[in-house]
Amino acid sequence: MPKMKTNRAAAKRFRISGTGRVRRPKSGGNHGMQEKSRKRLRRLRNNDMVSKAFQKRIKLMLPYG
């Protein structure tokens, strides 16, 4: 049986946590930092979890995650 291919776009954006949930970075943390408050930038550093509705789809794209 051939190996399954991982969707590379998904692999760069999502990681599977130890409990099996899907982690994702928060949006808006790449550029334009001067306009954003320090409080907002601190919040953007932390990872977020993907909602339960999307978890199944993302896990299909990450077969070995």
PDB file of N, CA and C in Angstrom:
ATOM      1  N   MET A   1       0.852  -1.193   0.000  1.00  0.00           N
ATOM      2  CA  MET A   1       0.000   0.000   0.000  1.00  0.00           C
ATOM      3  C   MET A   1       0.890   1.246   0.000  1.00  0.00           C
ATOM      4  N   PRO A   2       0.659   2.204  -0.907  1.00  0.00           N
ATOM      5  CA  PRO A   2       1.502   3.405  -0.918  1.00  0.00           C
ATOM      6  C   PRO A   2       1.218   4.313   0.279  1.00  0.00           C
ATOM      7  N   LYS A   3       2.207   5.145   0.572  1.00  0.00           N
ATOM      8  CA  LYS A   3       2.039   6.095   1.678  1.00  0.00           C
ATOM      9  C   LYS A   3       1.024   7.164   1.284  1.00  0.00           C
ATOM     10  N   MET A   4       0.329   7.689   2.295  1.00  0.00           N
ATOM     11  CA  MET A   4      -0.608   8.791   2.049  1.00  0.00           C
ATOM     12  C   MET A   4       0.176  10.096   2.033  1.00  0.00           C
ATOM     13  N   LYS A   5      -0.283  11.044   1.226  1.00  0.00           N
ATOM     14  CA  LYS A   5       0.392  12.329   1.156  1.00  0.00           C
ATOM     15  C   LYS A   5      -0.240  13.314   2.135  1.00  0.00           C
ATOM     16  N   THR A   6       0.620  14.039   2.839  1.00  0.00           N
ATOM     17  CA  THR A   6       0.184  15.107   3.725  1.00  0.00           C
ATOM     18  C   THR A   6      -0.034  16.361   2.896  1.00  0.00           C
ATOM     19  N   ASN A   7      -1.100  17.071   3.170  1.00  0.00           N
ATOM     20  CA  ASN A   7      -1.330  18.361   2.523  1.00  0.00           C
ATOM     21  C   ASN A   7      -0.342  19.351   3.125  1.00  0.00           C
ATOM     22  N   ARG A   8       0.631  19.807   2.319  1.00  0.00           N
ATOM     23  CA  ARG A   8       1.715  20.633   2.846  1.00  0.00           C
ATOM     24  C   ARG A   8       1.227  21.994   3.346  1.00  0.00           C
ATOM     25  N   ALA A   9       0.203  22.549   2.724  1.00  0.00           N
ATOM     26  CA  ALA A   9      -0.337  23.836   3.172  1.00  0.00           C
ATOM     27  C   ALA A   9      -0.909  23.696   4.583  1.00  0.00           C
ATOM     28  N   ALA A  10      -1.596  22.585   4.836  1.00  0.00           N
ATOM     29  CA  ALA A  10      -2.178  22.349   6.162  1.00  0.00           C
ATOM     30  C   ALA A  10      -1.089  22.066   7.189  1.00  0.00           C
ATOM     31  N   ALA A  11      -0.039  21.349   6.778  1.00  0.00           N
ATOM     32  CA  ALA A  11       1.043  21.000   7.702  1.00  0.00           C
ATOM     33  C   ALA A  11       1.769  22.243   8.210  1.00  0.00           C
ATOM     34  N   LYS A  12       1.821  23.289   7.380  1.00  0.00           N
ATOM     35  CA  LYS A  12       2.497  24.520   7.789  1.00  0.00           C
ATOM     36  C   LYS A  12       1.627  25.365   8.717  1.00  0.00           C
ATOM     37  N   ARG A  13       0.320  25.121   8.717  1.00  0.00           N
ATOM     38  CA  ARG A  13      -0.594  25.965   9.488  1.00  0.00           C
ATOM     39  C   ARG A  13      -1.122  25.324  10.765  1.00  0.00           C
ATOM     40  N   PHE A  14      -1.186  24.006  10.792  1.00  0.00           N
ATOM     41  CA  PHE A  14      -1.811  23.326  11.925  1.00  0.00           C
ATOM     42  C   PHE A  14      -0.890  22.286  12.541  1.00  0.00           C
ATOM     43  N   ARG A  15      -1.083  22.051  13.841  1.00  0.00           N
ATOM     44  CA  ARG A  15      -0.377  20.973  14.529  1.00  0.00           C
ATOM     45  C   ARG A  15      -1.389  20.247  15.403  1.00  0.00           C
ATOM     46  N   ILE A  16      -1.159  18.959  15.591  1.00  0.00           N
ATOM     47  CA  ILE A  16      -2.051  18.169  16.439  1.00  0.00           C
ATOM     48  C   ILE A  16      -1.480  18.185  17.852  1.00  0.00           C
ATOM     49  N   SER A  17      -2.312  18.513  18.832  1.00  0.00           N
ATOM     50  CA  SER A  17      -1.851  18.561  20.218  1.00  0.00           C
ATOM     51  C   SER A  17      -1.771  17.145  20.784  1.00  0.00           C
ATOM     52  N   GLY A  18      -1.250  17.030  21.981  1.00  0.00           N
ATOM     53  CA  GLY A  18      -1.107  15.730  22.626  1.00  0.00           C
ATOM     54  C   GLY A  18      -2.428  15.035  22.864  1.00  0.00           C
ATOM     55  N   THR A  19      -3.471  15.812  23.091  1.00  0.00           N
ATOM     56  CA  THR A  19      -4.795  15.230  23.340  1.00  0.00           C
ATOM     57  C   THR A  19      -5.569  14.966  22.055  1.00  0.00           C
ATOM     58  N   GLY A  20      -4.971  15.344  20.901  1.00  0.00           N
ATOM     59  CA  GLY A  20      -5.621  15.072  19.622  1.00  0.00           C
ATOM     60  C   GLY A  20      -6.407  16.225  19.048  1.00  0.00           C
ATOM     61  N   ARG A  21      -6.391  17.371  19.736  1.00  0.00           N
ATOM     62  CA  ARG A  21      -7.060  18.548  19.175  1.00  0.00           C
ATOM     63  C   ARG A  21      -6.116  19.248  18.212  1.00  0.00           C
ATOM     64  N   VAL A  22      -6.678  20.144  17.373  1.00  0.00           N
ATOM     65  CA  VAL A  22      -5.878  20.811  16.343  1.00  0.00           C
ATOM     66  C   VAL A  22      -5.566  22.232  16.797  1.00  0.00           C
ATOM     67  N   ARG A  23      -4.250  22.559  16.825  1.00  0.00           N
ATOM     68  CA  ARG A  23      -3.807  23.898  17.188  1.00  0.00           C
ATOM     69  C   ARG A  23      -3.585  24.721  15.946  1.00  0.00           C
ATOM     70  N   ARG A  24      -3.832  26.030  16.068  1.00  0.00           N
ATOM     71  CA  ARG A  24      -3.579  26.929  14.940  1.00  0.00           C
ATOM     72  C   ARG A  24      -3.078  28.253  15.488  1.00  0.00           C
ATOM     73  N   PRO A  25      -2.256  28.993  14.706  1.00  0.00           N
ATOM     74  CA  PRO A  25      -1.853  30.324  15.155  1.00  0.00           C
ATOM     75  C   PRO A  25      -2.994  31.318  14.922  1.00  0.00           C
ATOM     76  N   LYS A  26      -3.012  32.368  15.714  1.00  0.00           N
ATOM     77  CA  LYS A  26      -4.041  33.393  15.524  1.00  0.00           C
ATOM     78  C   LYS A  26      -3.685  34.255  14.319  1.00  0.00           C
ATOM     79  N   SER A  27      -4.704  34.762  13.661  1.00  0.00           N
ATOM     80  CA  SER A  27      -4.466  35.556  12.456  1.00  0.00           C
ATOM     81  C   SER A  27      -4.097  36.993  12.813  1.00  0.00           C
ATOM     82  N   GLY A  28      -3.401  37.646  11.904  1.00  0.00           N
ATOM     83  CA  GLY A  28      -3.098  39.069  12.071  1.00  0.00           C
ATOM     84  C   GLY A  28      -1.784  39.346  12.751  1.00  0.00           C
ATOM     85  N   GLY A  29      -0.907  38.355  12.884  1.00  0.00           N
ATOM     86  CA  GLY A  29       0.355  38.587  13.579  1.00  0.00           C
ATOM     87  C   GLY A  29       1.564  38.613  12.680  1.00  0.00           C
ATOM     88  N   ASN A  30       1.407  38.965  11.409  1.00  0.00           N
ATOM     89  CA  ASN A  30       2.547  38.929  10.496  1.00  0.00           C
ATOM     90  C   ASN A  30       3.147  40.290  10.167  1.00  0.00           C
ATOM     91  N   HIS A  31       2.338  41.304  10.005  1.00  0.00           N
ATOM     92  CA  HIS A  31       2.889  42.618   9.662  1.00  0.00           C
ATOM     93  C   HIS A  31       1.974  43.707  10.181  1.00  0.00           C
ATOM     94  N   GLY A  32       2.429  44.968  10.089  1.00  0.00           N
ATOM     95  CA  GLY A  32       1.640  46.097  10.577  1.00  0.00           C
ATOM     96  C   GLY A  32       1.576  46.152  12.086  1.00  0.00           C
ATOM     97  N   MET A  33       2.702  45.816  12.746  1.00  0.00           N
ATOM     98  CA  MET A  33       2.722  45.744  14.209  1.00  0.00           C
ATOM     99  C   MET A  33       2.615  47.114  14.881  1.00  0.00           C
ATOM    100  N   GLN A  34       3.058  48.160  14.194  1.00  0.00           N
ATOM    101  CA  GLN A  34       3.073  49.483  14.836  1.00  0.00           C
ATOM    102  C   GLN A  34       1.663  49.990  15.128  1.00  0.00           C
ATOM    103  N   GLU A  35       0.688  49.568  14.328  1.00  0.00           N
ATOM    104  CA  GLU A  35      -0.684  50.042  14.523  1.00  0.00           C
ATOM    105  C   GLU A  35      -1.418  49.248  15.602  1.00  0.00           C
ATOM    106  N   LYS A  36      -0.872  48.096  15.977  1.00  0.00           N
ATOM    107  CA  LYS A  36      -1.553  47.239  16.946  1.00  0.00           C
ATOM    108  C   LYS A  36      -1.018  47.508  18.343  1.00  0.00           C
ATOM    109  N   SER A  37      -1.901  47.448  19.323  1.00  0.00           N
ATOM    110  CA  SER A  37      -1.482  47.713  20.708  1.00  0.00           C
ATOM    111  C   SER A  37      -0.635  46.559  21.229  1.00  0.00           C
ATOM    112  N   ARG A  38       0.146  46.828  22.276  1.00  0.00           N
ATOM    113  CA  ARG A  38       0.986  45.780  22.859  1.00  0.00           C
ATOM    114  C   ARG A  38       0.142  44.649  23.416  1.00  0.00           C
ATOM    115  N   LYS A  39      -0.974  45.021  23.996  1.00  0.00           N
ATOM    116  CA  LYS A  39      -1.888  44.019  24.557  1.00  0.00           C
ATOM    117  C   LYS A  39      -2.391  43.071  23.463  1.00  0.00           C
ATOM    118  N   ARG A  40      -2.720  43.649  22.328  1.00  0.00           N
ATOM    119  CA  ARG A  40      -3.221  42.859  21.202  1.00  0.00           C
ATOM    120  C   ARG A  40      -2.132  41.936  20.653  1.00  0.00           C
ATOM    121  N   LEU A  41      -0.893  42.438  20.558  1.00  0.00           N
ATOM    122  CA  LEU A  41       0.218  41.628  20.063  1.00  0.00           C
ATOM    123  C   LEU A  41       0.529  40.473  21.009  1.00  0.00           C
ATOM    124  N   ARG A  42       0.399  40.708  22.306  1.00  0.00           N
ATOM    125  CA  ARG A  42       0.616  39.642  23.296  1.00  0.00           C
ATOM    126  C   ARG A  42      -0.401  38.531  23.105  1.00  0.00           C
ATOM    127  N   ARG A  43      -1.647  38.911  22.857  1.00  0.00           N
ATOM    128  CA  ARG A  43      -2.709  37.916  22.654  1.00  0.00           C
ATOM    129  C   ARG A  43      -2.474  37.115  21.374  1.00  0.00           C
ATOM    130  N   LEU A  44      -1.920  37.763  20.352  1.00  0.00           N
ATOM    131  CA  LEU A  44      -1.687  37.088  19.074  1.00  0.00           C
ATOM    132  C   LEU A  44      -0.573  36.047  19.154  1.00  0.00           C
ATOM    133  N   ARG A  45       0.314  36.179  20.152  1.00  0.00           N
ATOM    134  CA  ARG A  45       1.412  35.218  20.288  1.00  0.00           C
ATOM    135  C   ARG A  45       0.905  33.826  20.627  1.00  0.00           C
ATOM    136  N   ASN A  46      -0.153  33.750  21.422  1.00  0.00           N
ATOM    137  CA  ASN A  46      -0.642  32.453  21.885  1.00  0.00           C
ATOM    138  C   ASN A  46      -1.353  31.702  20.771  1.00  0.00           C
ATOM    139  N   ASN A  47      -1.193  30.387  20.784  1.00  0.00           N
ATOM    140  CA  ASN A  47      -1.898  29.566  19.808  1.00  0.00           C
ATOM    141  C   ASN A  47      -3.359  29.434  20.206  1.00  0.00           C
ATOM    142  N   ASP A  48      -4.176  29.080  19.235  1.00  0.00           N
ATOM    143  CA  ASP A  48      -5.601  28.921  19.444  1.00  0.00           C
ATOM    144  C   ASP A  48      -5.978  27.517  19.000  1.00  0.00           C
ATOM    145  N   MET A  49      -7.153  27.064  19.376  1.00  0.00           N
ATOM    146  CA  MET A  49      -7.615  25.752  18.948  1.00  0.00           C
ATOM    147  C   MET A  49      -8.631  25.913  17.815  1.00  0.00           C
ATOM    148  N   VAL A  50      -8.645  24.936  16.927  1.00  0.00           N
ATOM    149  CA  VAL A  50      -9.606  24.917  15.825  1.00  0.00           C
ATOM    150  C   VAL A  50     -10.935  24.422  16.386  1.00  0.00           C
ATOM    151  N   SER A  51     -12.039  24.951  15.876  1.00  0.00           N
ATOM    152  CA  SER A  51     -13.350  24.527  16.363  1.00  0.00           C
ATOM    153  C   SER A  51     -13.609  23.072  15.998  1.00  0.00           C
ATOM    154  N   LYS A  52     -14.475  22.434  16.759  1.00  0.00           N
ATOM    155  CA  LYS A  52     -14.762  21.006  16.577  1.00  0.00           C
ATOM    156  C   LYS A  52     -15.290  20.714  15.171  1.00  0.00           C
ATOM    157  N   ALA A  53     -15.986  21.674  14.577  1.00  0.00           N
ATOM    158  CA  ALA A  53     -16.577  21.469  13.258  1.00  0.00           C
ATOM    159  C   ALA A  53     -15.507  21.263  12.182  1.00  0.00           C
ATOM    160  N   PHE A  54     -14.345  21.925  12.336  1.00  0.00           N
ATOM    161  CA  PHE A  54     -13.296  21.843  11.325  1.00  0.00           C
ATOM    162  C   PHE A  54     -12.245  20.787  11.619  1.00  0.00           C
ATOM    163  N   GLN A  55     -12.225  20.268  12.844  1.00  0.00           N
ATOM    164  CA  GLN A  55     -11.165  19.336  13.232  1.00  0.00           C
ATOM    165  C   GLN A  55     -11.097  18.110  12.334  1.00  0.00           C
ATOM    166  N   LYS A  56     -12.235  17.546  12.001  1.00  0.00           N
ATOM    167  CA  LYS A  56     -12.262  16.321  11.208  1.00  0.00           C
ATOM    168  C   LYS A  56     -11.658  16.560   9.822  1.00  0.00           C
ATOM    169  N   ARG A  57     -11.982  17.701   9.200  1.00  0.00           N
ATOM    170  CA  ARG A  57     -11.462  18.039   7.871  1.00  0.00           C
ATOM    171  C   ARG A  57      -9.948  18.211   7.890  1.00  0.00           C
ATOM    172  N   ILE A  58      -9.454  18.889   8.918  1.00  0.00           N
ATOM    173  CA  ILE A  58      -8.021  19.154   8.992  1.00  0.00           C
ATOM    174  C   ILE A  58      -7.253  17.866   9.248  1.00  0.00           C
ATOM    175  N   LYS A  59      -7.805  16.990  10.070  1.00  0.00           N
ATOM    176  CA  LYS A  59      -7.128  15.721  10.360  1.00  0.00           C
ATOM    177  C   LYS A  59      -7.048  14.833   9.116  1.00  0.00           C
ATOM    178  N   LEU A  60      -7.973  14.970   8.190  1.00  0.00           N
ATOM    179  CA  LEU A  60      -7.904  14.235   6.925  1.00  0.00           C
ATOM    180  C   LEU A  60      -6.720  14.717   6.093  1.00  0.00           C
ATOM    181  N   MET A  61      -6.387  16.005   6.207  1.00  0.00           N
ATOM    182  CA  MET A  61      -5.266  16.558   5.451  1.00  0.00           C
ATOM    183  C   MET A  61      -3.919  16.234   6.101  1.00  0.00           C
ATOM    184  N   LEU A  62      -3.950  15.843   7.391  1.00  0.00           N
ATOM    185  CA  LEU A  62      -2.730  15.512   8.126  1.00  0.00           C
ATOM    186  C   LEU A  62      -2.796  14.051   8.579  1.00  0.00           C
ATOM    187  N   PRO A  63      -2.620  13.107   7.674  1.00  0.00           N
ATOM    188  CA  PRO A  63      -2.817  11.701   8.041  1.00  0.00           C
ATOM    189  C   PRO A  63      -1.839  11.186   9.083  1.00  0.00           C
ATOM    190  N   TYR A  64      -0.643  11.776   9.172  1.00  0.00           N
ATOM    191  CA  TYR A  64       0.348  11.298  10.150  1.00  0.00           C
ATOM    192  C   TYR A  64       0.519  12.253  11.307  1.00  0.00           C
ATOM    193  N   GLY A  65      -0.409  13.215  11.456  1.00  0.00           N
ATOM    194  CA  GLY A  65      -0.300  14.221  12.503  1.00  0.00           C
ATOM    195  C   GLY A  65      -0.702  13.707  13.859  1.00  0.00           C
TER     196      GLY A  65
END
